[in-house]
C-alpha atoms as a PDB file:
ATOM      1  CA  MET A   1       2.135 119.348-103.992  1.00  0.00           C
ATOM      2  CA  GLN A   2      -1.613 119.571-104.621  1.00  0.00           C
ATOM      3  CA  GLN A   3      -2.749 122.728-106.442  1.00  0.00           C
ATOM      4  CA  PRO A   4      -6.278 123.665-107.594  1.00  0.00           C
ATOM      5  CA  ILE A   5      -7.213 124.246-111.234  1.00  0.00           C
ATOM      6  CA  VAL A   6      -8.077 127.918-111.820  1.00  0.00           C
ATOM      7  CA  GLY A   7      -8.466 127.951-115.618  1.00  0.00           C
ATOM      8  CA  TYR A   8      -7.650 126.297-118.944  1.00  0.00           C
ATOM      9  CA  HIS A   9      -6.119 127.066-122.297  1.00  0.00           C
ATOM     10  CA  ARG A  10      -5.101 125.082-125.383  1.00  0.00           C
ATOM     11  CA  ASP A  11      -1.470 124.552-126.340  1.00  0.00           C
ATOM     12  CA  GLU A  12       0.028 124.902-129.815  1.00  0.00           C
ATOM     13  CA  GLU A  13      -1.044 121.313-130.615  1.00  0.00           C
ATOM     14  CA  ASP A  14      -4.660 122.043-129.518  1.00  0.00           C
ATOM     15  CA  HIS A  15      -4.398 119.970-126.299  1.00  0.00           C
ATOM     16  CA  TRP A  16      -6.122 121.212-123.132  1.00  0.00           C
ATOM     17  CA  VAL A  17      -3.848 122.565-120.406  1.00  0.00           C
ATOM     18  CA  ALA A  18      -4.972 123.250-116.834  1.00  0.00           C
ATOM     19  CA  GLU A  19      -3.758 126.468-115.239  1.00  0.00           C
ATOM     20  CA  LEU A  20      -2.998 125.841-111.575  1.00  0.00           C
ATOM     21  CA  ALA A  21      -3.234 128.327-108.692  1.00  0.00           C
ATOM     22  CA  CYS A  22       0.527 128.083-108.182  1.00  0.00           C
ATOM     23  CA  GLY A  23       1.172 129.504-111.663  1.00  0.00           C
ATOM     24  CA  HIS A  24       2.166 126.221-113.275  1.00  0.00           C
ATOM     25  CA  ASN A  25       0.405 124.581-116.219  1.00  0.00           C
ATOM     26  CA  GLN A  26      -0.401 120.893-116.611  1.00  0.00           C
ATOM     27  CA  HIS A  27      -1.816 118.991-119.593  1.00  0.00           C
ATOM     28  CA  VAL A  28      -5.190 117.348-118.955  1.00  0.00           C
ATOM     29  CA  ARG A  29      -5.588 115.068-121.960  1.00  0.00           C
ATOM     30  CA  HIS A  30      -8.256 112.446-122.536  1.00  0.00           C
ATOM     31  CA  GLN A  31      -6.215 109.604-124.089  1.00  0.00           C
ATOM     32  CA  PRO A  32      -7.722 106.231-123.221  1.00  0.00           C
ATOM     33  CA  PRO A  33      -6.505 103.833-121.974  1.00  0.00           C
ATOM     34  CA  TRP A  34      -3.648 105.876-120.446  1.00  0.00           C
ATOM     35  CA  ALA A  35      -5.614 108.897-119.249  1.00  0.00           C
ATOM     36  CA  GLU A  36      -9.385 108.800-118.717  1.00  0.00           C
ATOM     37  CA  ARG A  37     -10.541 112.419-118.609  1.00  0.00           C
ATOM     38  CA  PRO A  38     -13.698 112.666-120.737  1.00  0.00           C
ATOM     39  CA  TRP A  39     -14.672 115.806-118.779  1.00  0.00           C
ATOM     40  CA  VAL A  40     -11.965 117.779-120.587  1.00  0.00           C
ATOM     41  CA  LEU A  41     -13.824 117.419-123.904  1.00  0.00           C
ATOM     42  CA  THR A  42     -16.677 119.815-123.015  1.00  0.00           C
ATOM     43  CA  GLU A  43     -16.891 123.334-121.633  1.00  0.00           C
ATOM     44  CA  ALA A  44     -19.277 122.154-118.897  1.00  0.00           C
ATOM     45  CA  GLY A  45     -16.923 119.303-118.001  1.00  0.00           C
ATOM     46  CA  ARG A  46     -13.910 121.586-117.681  1.00  0.00           C
ATOM     47  CA  ARG A  47     -15.917 124.126-115.678  1.00  0.00           C
ATOM     48  CA  SER A  48     -17.047 121.343-113.316  1.00  0.00           C
ATOM     49  CA  ARG A  49     -13.404 120.599-112.466  1.00  0.00           C
ATOM     50  CA  LEU A  50     -12.373 124.150-111.578  1.00  0.00           C
ATOM     51  CA  GLY A  51     -10.967 123.956-108.054  1.00  0.00           C
ATOM     52  CA  LEU A  52     -10.002 120.283-108.425  1.00  0.00           C
ATOM     53  CA  ALA A  53      -6.543 119.742-106.930  1.00  0.00           C
ATOM     54  CA  LEU A  54      -3.893 118.149-109.136  1.00  0.00           C
ATOM     55  CA  GLY A  55      -0.442 117.017-108.063  1.00  0.00           C
ATOM     56  CA  CYS A  56       2.036 119.647-109.275  1.00  0.00           C
ATOM     57  CA  VAL A  57       5.426 118.099-109.908  1.00  0.00           C
ATOM     58  CA  LYS A  58       6.830 121.504-110.885  1.00  0.00           C
ATOM     59  CA  CYS A  59       6.040 122.806-107.367  1.00  0.00           C
ATOM     60  CA  ASP A  60       7.667 119.716-105.884  1.00  0.00           C
ATOM     61  CA  ARG A  61      10.817 120.536-107.881  1.00  0.00           C
ATOM     62  CA  GLY A  62      10.711 124.249-106.991  1.00  0.00           C
ATOM     63  CA  GLU A  63      10.370 125.390-110.610  1.00  0.00           C
ATOM     64  CA  PRO A  64       9.406 128.999-111.457  1.00  0.00           C
ATOM     65  CA  ARG A  65       5.879 129.863-112.608  1.00  0.00           C
ATOM     66  CA  ASP A  66       4.940 129.096-116.212  1.00  0.00           C
ATOM     67  CA  THR A  67       3.989 131.857-118.600  1.00  0.00           C
ATOM     68  CA  LEU A  68       0.621 131.767-120.331  1.00  0.00           C
ATOM     69  CA  PRO A  69       0.499 131.780-124.137  1.00  0.00           C
ATOM     70  CA  GLU A  70      -0.402 135.041-125.854  1.00  0.00           C
ATOM     71  CA  ALA A  71      -4.135 135.297-126.536  1.00  0.00           C
END
């Protein structure tokens, strides 16, 4: 199911994670050649992708919402 990005945070390993409107989180790593996402490396790049729809496998499986890490 496609869900828009509404925010970002970093995980415990300092990787960027997209927060989706459905309440699930999804890693958005830039790891060439497997994942080409240079936009995730800058604040402006991440901001430019707010609202971008990503396929949410957790929604497809009916999983409960993720919890955000403590700030």
